[in-house]
Protein backbone atom coordinates (compact mmCIF):
# COMPACT_ATOMS: atom_id res chain seq x y z
CA MET A 1 105.78 120.59 81.54
CA GLY A 2 106.53 120.30 85.33
CA LEU A 3 107.18 117.18 87.23
CA GLY A 4 103.56 116.93 88.50
CA LYS A 5 102.10 117.24 85.01
CA ASN A 6 104.57 114.63 83.71
CA ILE A 7 103.53 112.16 86.45
CA GLN A 8 99.87 112.73 85.65
CA TYR A 9 100.45 112.48 81.87
CA LEU A 10 102.50 109.22 82.10
CA ARG A 11 100.09 107.71 84.63
CA LYS A 12 97.14 108.42 82.30
CA GLN A 13 99.03 107.11 79.33
CA LYS A 14 99.57 103.79 81.17
CA LYS A 15 96.02 103.87 82.52
CA ILE A 16 97.11 103.28 86.11
CA THR A 17 95.87 104.88 89.33
CA GLN A 18 98.03 106.72 91.90
CA GLU A 19 97.64 103.69 94.13
CA GLN A 20 98.93 101.36 91.37
CA LEU A 21 101.79 103.69 90.64
CA ALA A 22 102.72 103.83 94.32
CA GLU A 23 102.67 100.11 94.53
CA MET A 24 104.96 99.80 91.44
CA MET A 25 107.41 102.24 93.03
CA SER A 26 107.17 100.70 96.55
CA VAL A 27 106.02 104.00 98.09
CA SER A 28 102.74 105.23 99.60
CA ARG A 29 99.98 106.91 97.64
CA GLN A 30 100.70 109.96 99.68
CA THR A 31 104.27 110.03 98.29
CA ILE A 32 102.84 110.00 94.73
CA LEU A 33 100.60 112.85 95.66
CA ASN A 34 103.60 114.76 97.09
CA TYR A 35 105.54 114.14 93.90
CA ARG A 36 102.51 115.32 91.92
CA MET A 37 102.30 118.48 94.08
CA GLN A 38 106.13 118.80 93.79
CA CYS A 39 106.80 118.51 97.50
CA GLY A 40 108.95 115.87 99.20
CA LEU A 41 110.96 114.84 96.20
CA ASP A 42 113.16 112.36 98.09
CA GLY A 43 113.57 109.17 96.08
CA ILE A 44 112.55 110.87 92.83
CA PHE A 45 114.85 108.45 90.97
CA ARG A 46 112.05 105.86 91.34
CA LEU A 47 110.05 107.67 88.66
CA SER A 48 112.23 105.98 86.05
CA LEU A 49 110.11 102.90 86.79
CA LEU A 50 107.37 104.50 84.68
CA ARG A 51 109.16 103.80 81.47
């Protein structure tokens, strides 16, 4: 499973929106979309906040 699919899967498991995830990670919703589309992976370490 790729990064984008992992983000989508974990987000759905936690029942949170992209906006909520962005807020949790202190990034914009566009950044979450970029992670999901696997572009602009700067700051990817923040994804550990999903745990």
